């Protein structure tokens, strides 16, 4: 297994400044692709969205490209929580979140039976 080096953050970048938001989104996308956990999270997001962009309802494929987007912006205090992430088509990523009629409501996660050690599950 090759050694993977940590990519340094620009010294002038701040994750809480709106002007640096696109820089940290690009870093998040790169970091997610490079990690095994990230692949699992991407696959889960892709499947829970029905393999479609939730705004334009077009299929997300390798050819169309995709971008991770925060429902509540990270600069507003939200984290990289799976409930706050959504996959959008790459070309629509910069248009959709800025428009006023943009809203995404994610369905709550359903737990399978048997995950809890409580009796009756």
N, C-alpha and C. Protein backbone atom coordinates (compact mmCIF):
# COMPACT_ATOMS: atom_id res chain seq x y z
N UNK A 1 0.85 -1.18 0.00
CA UNK A 1 0.00 0.00 0.00
C UNK A 1 0.90 1.24 0.00
N UNK A 2 0.69 2.15 -0.95
CA UNK A 2 1.53 3.33 -1.02
C UNK A 2 1.24 4.31 0.11
N UNK A 3 2.24 5.09 0.43
CA UNK A 3 2.09 6.12 1.45
C UNK A 3 1.31 7.29 0.85
N UNK A 4 0.31 7.74 1.57
CA UNK A 4 -0.47 8.89 1.12
C UNK A 4 -0.14 10.08 2.01
N UNK A 5 0.31 11.13 1.40
CA UNK A 5 0.68 12.34 2.12
C UNK A 5 -0.55 13.23 2.33
N UNK A 6 -0.55 13.93 3.43
CA UNK A 6 -1.62 14.90 3.71
C UNK A 6 -1.39 16.13 2.84
N UNK A 7 -2.43 16.58 2.18
CA UNK A 7 -2.34 17.78 1.36
C UNK A 7 -2.48 19.00 2.26
N UNK A 8 -1.49 19.88 2.21
CA UNK A 8 -1.48 21.05 3.08
C UNK A 8 -2.58 22.04 2.71
N UNK A 9 -3.15 22.66 3.72
CA UNK A 9 -4.17 23.70 3.52
C UNK A 9 -3.46 25.02 3.25
N UNK A 10 -4.01 25.80 2.32
CA UNK A 10 -3.44 27.13 2.06
C UNK A 10 -3.43 27.92 3.37
N UNK A 11 -2.36 28.64 3.62
CA UNK A 11 -2.24 29.38 4.88
C UNK A 11 -3.25 30.51 4.99
N UNK A 12 -3.71 31.03 3.88
CA UNK A 12 -4.66 32.15 3.92
C UNK A 12 -6.12 31.68 3.95
N UNK A 13 -6.35 30.38 3.80
CA UNK A 13 -7.72 29.86 3.73
C UNK A 13 -8.33 29.68 5.12
N UNK A 14 -9.59 30.04 5.25
CA UNK A 14 -10.32 29.89 6.50
C UNK A 14 -11.66 29.23 6.19
N UNK A 15 -11.98 28.08 6.82
CA UNK A 15 -13.23 27.38 6.49
C UNK A 15 -14.49 28.14 6.87
N UNK A 16 -14.36 29.21 7.63
CA UNK A 16 -15.54 29.95 8.06
C UNK A 16 -15.73 31.25 7.27
N UNK A 17 -14.92 31.50 6.25
CA UNK A 17 -15.09 32.66 5.39
C UNK A 17 -15.83 32.23 4.12
N UNK A 18 -16.90 32.89 3.77
CA UNK A 18 -17.64 32.52 2.55
C UNK A 18 -16.78 32.59 1.29
N UNK A 19 -15.78 33.45 1.26
CA UNK A 19 -14.92 33.56 0.07
C UNK A 19 -14.06 32.32 -0.14
N UNK A 20 -13.79 31.56 0.91
CA UNK A 20 -12.96 30.35 0.81
C UNK A 20 -13.80 29.08 0.73
N UNK A 21 -15.10 29.20 0.64
CA UNK A 21 -15.99 28.03 0.66
C UNK A 21 -15.70 27.08 -0.51
N UNK A 22 -15.49 27.61 -1.71
CA UNK A 22 -15.25 26.75 -2.87
C UNK A 22 -13.94 25.99 -2.74
N UNK A 23 -12.92 26.59 -2.14
CA UNK A 23 -11.64 25.91 -1.92
C UNK A 23 -11.82 24.70 -1.01
N UNK A 24 -12.56 24.85 0.07
CA UNK A 24 -12.75 23.74 1.00
C UNK A 24 -13.71 22.69 0.44
N UNK A 25 -14.64 23.08 -0.41
CA UNK A 25 -15.50 22.09 -1.07
C UNK A 25 -14.67 21.21 -2.00
N UNK A 26 -13.74 21.83 -2.72
CA UNK A 26 -12.87 21.06 -3.61
C UNK A 26 -11.99 20.10 -2.80
N UNK A 27 -11.48 20.56 -1.67
CA UNK A 27 -10.68 19.70 -0.79
C UNK A 27 -11.51 18.54 -0.25
N UNK A 28 -12.75 18.82 0.12
CA UNK A 28 -13.63 17.78 0.65
C UNK A 28 -13.89 16.72 -0.41
N UNK A 29 -14.16 17.14 -1.63
CA UNK A 29 -14.40 16.19 -2.71
C UNK A 29 -13.18 15.32 -2.97
N UNK A 30 -11.99 15.92 -2.97
CA UNK A 30 -10.76 15.16 -3.17
C UNK A 30 -10.52 14.21 -2.02
N UNK A 31 -10.72 14.68 -0.80
CA UNK A 31 -10.50 13.83 0.37
C UNK A 31 -11.47 12.67 0.41
N UNK A 32 -12.71 12.91 0.03
CA UNK A 32 -13.72 11.85 0.04
C UNK A 32 -13.36 10.78 -0.98
N UNK A 33 -12.91 11.18 -2.16
CA UNK A 33 -12.55 10.21 -3.19
C UNK A 33 -11.34 9.36 -2.79
N UNK A 34 -10.44 9.93 -2.02
CA UNK A 34 -9.21 9.22 -1.67
C UNK A 34 -9.38 8.28 -0.49
N UNK A 35 -10.48 8.34 0.20
CA UNK A 35 -10.63 7.49 1.38
C UNK A 35 -11.67 6.40 1.14
N UNK A 36 -11.45 5.26 1.72
CA UNK A 36 -12.40 4.15 1.60
C UNK A 36 -13.71 4.52 2.25
N UNK A 37 -13.64 5.19 3.39
CA UNK A 37 -14.86 5.63 4.07
C UNK A 37 -15.63 6.60 3.17
N UNK A 38 -14.90 7.43 2.47
CA UNK A 38 -15.52 8.37 1.55
C UNK A 38 -16.27 7.69 0.44
N UNK A 39 -15.70 6.61 -0.10
CA UNK A 39 -16.40 5.87 -1.15
C UNK A 39 -17.72 5.32 -0.62
N UNK A 40 -17.70 4.79 0.59
CA UNK A 40 -18.93 4.25 1.17
C UNK A 40 -19.96 5.37 1.35
N UNK A 41 -19.51 6.54 1.80
CA UNK A 41 -20.43 7.66 2.00
C UNK A 41 -20.99 8.14 0.65
N UNK A 42 -20.14 8.21 -0.37
CA UNK A 42 -20.61 8.62 -1.69
C UNK A 42 -21.62 7.63 -2.25
N UNK A 43 -21.32 6.35 -2.12
CA UNK A 43 -22.25 5.33 -2.60
C UNK A 43 -23.58 5.42 -1.87
N UNK A 44 -23.52 5.66 -0.57
CA UNK A 44 -24.75 5.78 0.22
C UNK A 44 -25.56 7.00 -0.23
N UNK A 45 -24.91 8.15 -0.38
CA UNK A 45 -25.60 9.35 -0.84
C UNK A 45 -26.22 9.13 -2.22
N UNK A 46 -25.45 8.52 -3.11
CA UNK A 46 -25.90 8.28 -4.47
C UNK A 46 -27.12 7.37 -4.49
N UNK A 47 -27.08 6.32 -3.68
CA UNK A 47 -28.21 5.38 -3.63
C UNK A 47 -29.44 5.98 -2.96
N UNK A 48 -29.25 6.70 -1.86
CA UNK A 48 -30.41 7.27 -1.16
C UNK A 48 -31.08 8.36 -1.99
N UNK A 49 -30.34 8.99 -2.89
CA UNK A 49 -30.93 9.99 -3.77
C UNK A 49 -31.54 9.35 -5.01
N UNK A 50 -31.58 8.03 -5.07
CA UNK A 50 -32.13 7.36 -6.23
C UNK A 50 -31.26 7.48 -7.46
N UNK A 51 -29.95 7.69 -7.24
CA UNK A 51 -28.96 7.84 -8.31
C UNK A 51 -29.25 9.07 -9.18
N UNK A 52 -29.97 10.03 -8.62
CA UNK A 52 -30.36 11.23 -9.37
C UNK A 52 -29.98 12.50 -8.62
N UNK A 53 -29.85 13.57 -9.36
CA UNK A 53 -29.68 14.90 -8.79
C UNK A 53 -31.02 15.31 -8.19
N UNK A 54 -31.08 15.67 -6.91
CA UNK A 54 -32.37 15.96 -6.28
C UNK A 54 -33.04 17.24 -6.77
N UNK A 55 -32.33 18.06 -7.50
CA UNK A 55 -32.92 19.31 -7.98
C UNK A 55 -33.49 19.15 -9.38
N UNK A 56 -32.69 18.59 -10.30
CA UNK A 56 -33.11 18.47 -11.69
C UNK A 56 -33.55 17.06 -12.06
N UNK A 57 -33.42 16.12 -11.15
CA UNK A 57 -33.88 14.73 -11.30
C UNK A 57 -33.26 14.01 -12.50
N UNK A 58 -32.04 14.38 -12.84
CA UNK A 58 -31.29 13.69 -13.89
C UNK A 58 -30.34 12.71 -13.23
N UNK A 59 -30.03 11.60 -13.92
CA UNK A 59 -29.13 10.60 -13.36
C UNK A 59 -27.73 11.17 -13.19
N UNK A 60 -27.09 10.81 -12.08
CA UNK A 60 -25.70 11.19 -11.83
C UNK A 60 -24.84 10.01 -12.25
N UNK A 61 -23.95 10.24 -13.21
CA UNK A 61 -23.05 9.20 -13.70
C UNK A 61 -21.63 9.74 -13.74
N UNK A 62 -20.68 8.87 -14.10
CA UNK A 62 -19.29 9.32 -14.25
C UNK A 62 -19.18 10.35 -15.37
N UNK A 63 -19.98 10.20 -16.42
CA UNK A 63 -19.92 11.12 -17.56
C UNK A 63 -20.47 12.50 -17.19
N UNK A 64 -21.56 12.54 -16.42
CA UNK A 64 -22.16 13.83 -16.07
C UNK A 64 -21.37 14.55 -15.00
N UNK A 65 -20.68 13.80 -14.15
CA UNK A 65 -19.94 14.41 -13.06
C UNK A 65 -20.85 14.77 -11.90
N UNK A 66 -20.27 15.06 -10.76
CA UNK A 66 -21.04 15.38 -9.58
C UNK A 66 -20.20 16.25 -8.66
N UNK A 67 -20.87 16.86 -7.71
CA UNK A 67 -20.21 17.70 -6.71
C UNK A 67 -20.95 17.52 -5.39
N UNK A 68 -20.21 17.42 -4.31
CA UNK A 68 -20.83 17.37 -2.99
C UNK A 68 -21.23 18.78 -2.59
N UNK A 69 -22.41 18.91 -2.04
CA UNK A 69 -22.91 20.22 -1.64
C UNK A 69 -23.47 20.12 -0.22
N UNK A 70 -23.24 21.14 0.58
CA UNK A 70 -23.81 21.20 1.92
C UNK A 70 -25.19 21.82 1.83
N UNK A 71 -26.17 21.23 2.48
CA UNK A 71 -27.52 21.80 2.51
C UNK A 71 -27.48 23.08 3.34
N UNK A 72 -26.95 22.99 4.55
CA UNK A 72 -26.68 24.18 5.37
C UNK A 72 -25.19 24.43 5.23
N UNK A 73 -24.83 25.60 4.75
CA UNK A 73 -23.43 25.89 4.44
C UNK A 73 -22.52 25.68 5.65
N UNK A 74 -21.33 25.20 5.37
CA UNK A 74 -20.35 24.94 6.42
C UNK A 74 -19.94 26.24 7.11
N UNK A 75 -19.91 27.33 6.39
CA UNK A 75 -19.55 28.61 6.98
C UNK A 75 -20.62 29.10 7.96
N UNK A 76 -21.81 28.50 7.91
CA UNK A 76 -22.88 28.83 8.86
C UNK A 76 -22.88 27.91 10.06
N UNK A 77 -21.83 27.09 10.21
CA UNK A 77 -21.69 26.28 11.41
C UNK A 77 -22.04 24.82 11.28
N UNK A 78 -22.48 24.35 10.12
CA UNK A 78 -22.84 22.94 9.95
C UNK A 78 -21.59 22.13 9.60
N UNK A 79 -21.61 20.85 9.93
CA UNK A 79 -20.45 19.98 9.71
C UNK A 79 -20.64 19.11 8.47
N UNK A 80 -19.66 18.23 8.21
CA UNK A 80 -19.71 17.30 7.08
C UNK A 80 -20.51 16.07 7.45
N UNK A 81 -21.65 16.28 8.01
CA UNK A 81 -22.57 15.24 8.45
C UNK A 81 -23.31 14.70 7.22
N UNK A 82 -23.47 13.37 7.07
CA UNK A 82 -24.17 12.83 5.90
C UNK A 82 -25.59 13.38 5.71
N UNK A 83 -26.24 13.80 6.78
CA UNK A 83 -27.57 14.39 6.64
C UNK A 83 -27.51 15.79 6.05
N UNK A 84 -26.33 16.40 6.06
CA UNK A 84 -26.17 17.75 5.53
C UNK A 84 -25.52 17.75 4.14
N UNK A 85 -25.14 16.58 3.61
CA UNK A 85 -24.49 16.50 2.31
C UNK A 85 -25.46 15.99 1.25
N UNK A 86 -25.30 16.48 0.04
CA UNK A 86 -26.12 16.04 -1.08
C UNK A 86 -25.22 16.06 -2.32
N UNK A 87 -25.47 15.12 -3.25
CA UNK A 87 -24.73 15.08 -4.51
C UNK A 87 -25.54 15.79 -5.58
N UNK A 88 -24.91 16.77 -6.24
CA UNK A 88 -25.55 17.50 -7.34
C UNK A 88 -24.73 17.32 -8.61
N UNK A 89 -25.37 17.55 -9.76
CA UNK A 89 -24.61 17.56 -11.01
C UNK A 89 -23.59 18.69 -10.94
N UNK A 90 -22.44 18.43 -11.51
CA UNK A 90 -21.34 19.38 -11.42
C UNK A 90 -21.68 20.73 -12.05
N UNK A 91 -22.36 20.73 -13.19
CA UNK A 91 -22.65 22.00 -13.86
C UNK A 91 -23.75 22.79 -13.15
N UNK A 92 -24.57 22.13 -12.32
CA UNK A 92 -25.64 22.82 -11.60
C UNK A 92 -25.23 23.23 -10.19
N UNK A 93 -24.07 22.79 -9.75
CA UNK A 93 -23.66 23.00 -8.37
C UNK A 93 -23.58 24.47 -8.00
N UNK A 94 -23.09 25.31 -8.90
CA UNK A 94 -22.91 26.73 -8.58
C UNK A 94 -24.20 27.53 -8.76
N UNK A 95 -25.15 26.99 -9.50
CA UNK A 95 -26.41 27.70 -9.75
C UNK A 95 -27.44 27.44 -8.65
N UNK A 96 -27.67 26.17 -8.35
CA UNK A 96 -28.77 25.77 -7.48
C UNK A 96 -28.72 26.33 -6.06
N UNK A 97 -27.62 26.19 -5.31
CA UNK A 97 -27.65 26.65 -3.93
C UNK A 97 -27.83 28.14 -3.78
N UNK A 98 -27.48 28.93 -4.78
CA UNK A 98 -27.57 30.38 -4.67
C UNK A 98 -28.96 30.91 -5.00
N UNK A 99 -29.77 30.09 -5.67
CA UNK A 99 -31.11 30.57 -6.03
C UNK A 99 -32.02 30.53 -4.81
N UNK A 100 -32.98 31.40 -4.78
CA UNK A 100 -33.87 31.54 -3.62
C UNK A 100 -34.87 30.39 -3.50
N UNK A 101 -35.20 29.74 -4.62
CA UNK A 101 -36.19 28.66 -4.56
C UNK A 101 -35.54 27.30 -4.32
N UNK A 102 -34.29 27.29 -3.94
CA UNK A 102 -33.55 26.05 -3.70
C UNK A 102 -33.86 25.52 -2.31
N UNK A 103 -34.34 24.29 -2.24
CA UNK A 103 -34.52 23.64 -0.94
C UNK A 103 -34.46 22.14 -1.14
N UNK A 104 -33.74 21.48 -0.27
CA UNK A 104 -33.64 20.02 -0.30
C UNK A 104 -34.01 19.53 1.09
N UNK A 105 -34.95 18.62 1.14
CA UNK A 105 -35.34 18.00 2.40
C UNK A 105 -34.94 16.54 2.30
N UNK A 106 -34.03 16.13 3.17
CA UNK A 106 -33.58 14.74 3.15
C UNK A 106 -34.50 13.90 4.02
N UNK A 107 -34.75 12.69 3.57
CA UNK A 107 -35.57 11.76 4.33
C UNK A 107 -34.77 11.24 5.52
N UNK A 108 -35.41 11.03 6.67
CA UNK A 108 -34.68 10.48 7.82
C UNK A 108 -34.22 9.06 7.52
N UNK A 109 -33.07 8.71 8.08
CA UNK A 109 -32.53 7.38 7.87
C UNK A 109 -33.35 6.35 8.63
N UNK A 110 -33.58 5.22 7.99
CA UNK A 110 -34.32 4.14 8.64
C UNK A 110 -33.33 3.10 9.13
N UNK A 111 -33.49 2.68 10.36
CA UNK A 111 -32.62 1.65 10.92
C UNK A 111 -33.23 0.29 10.67
N UNK A 112 -32.39 -0.65 10.34
CA UNK A 112 -32.86 -2.02 10.12
C UNK A 112 -33.11 -2.69 11.45
N UNK A 113 -34.01 -3.66 11.45
CA UNK A 113 -34.25 -4.42 12.67
C UNK A 113 -33.02 -5.23 12.99
N UNK A 114 -32.76 -5.40 14.25
CA UNK A 114 -31.63 -6.21 14.68
C UNK A 114 -30.37 -5.42 14.93
N UNK A 115 -30.37 -4.12 14.65
CA UNK A 115 -29.19 -3.32 14.91
C UNK A 115 -29.05 -2.99 16.39
N UNK A 116 -30.15 -2.96 17.08
CA UNK A 116 -30.13 -2.63 18.50
C UNK A 116 -30.11 -3.91 19.32
N UNK A 117 -29.51 -3.84 20.48
CA UNK A 117 -29.49 -5.00 21.37
C UNK A 117 -30.68 -4.99 22.32
N UNK A 118 -31.58 -4.05 22.11
CA UNK A 118 -32.77 -3.96 22.95
C UNK A 118 -33.71 -5.11 22.61
N UNK A 119 -34.39 -5.68 23.60
CA UNK A 119 -35.34 -6.75 23.31
C UNK A 119 -36.47 -6.24 22.43
N UNK A 120 -36.92 -7.10 21.52
CA UNK A 120 -38.03 -6.75 20.64
C UNK A 120 -37.59 -6.19 19.31
N UNK A 121 -36.30 -5.98 19.12
CA UNK A 121 -35.82 -5.46 17.83
C UNK A 121 -35.23 -6.55 17.00
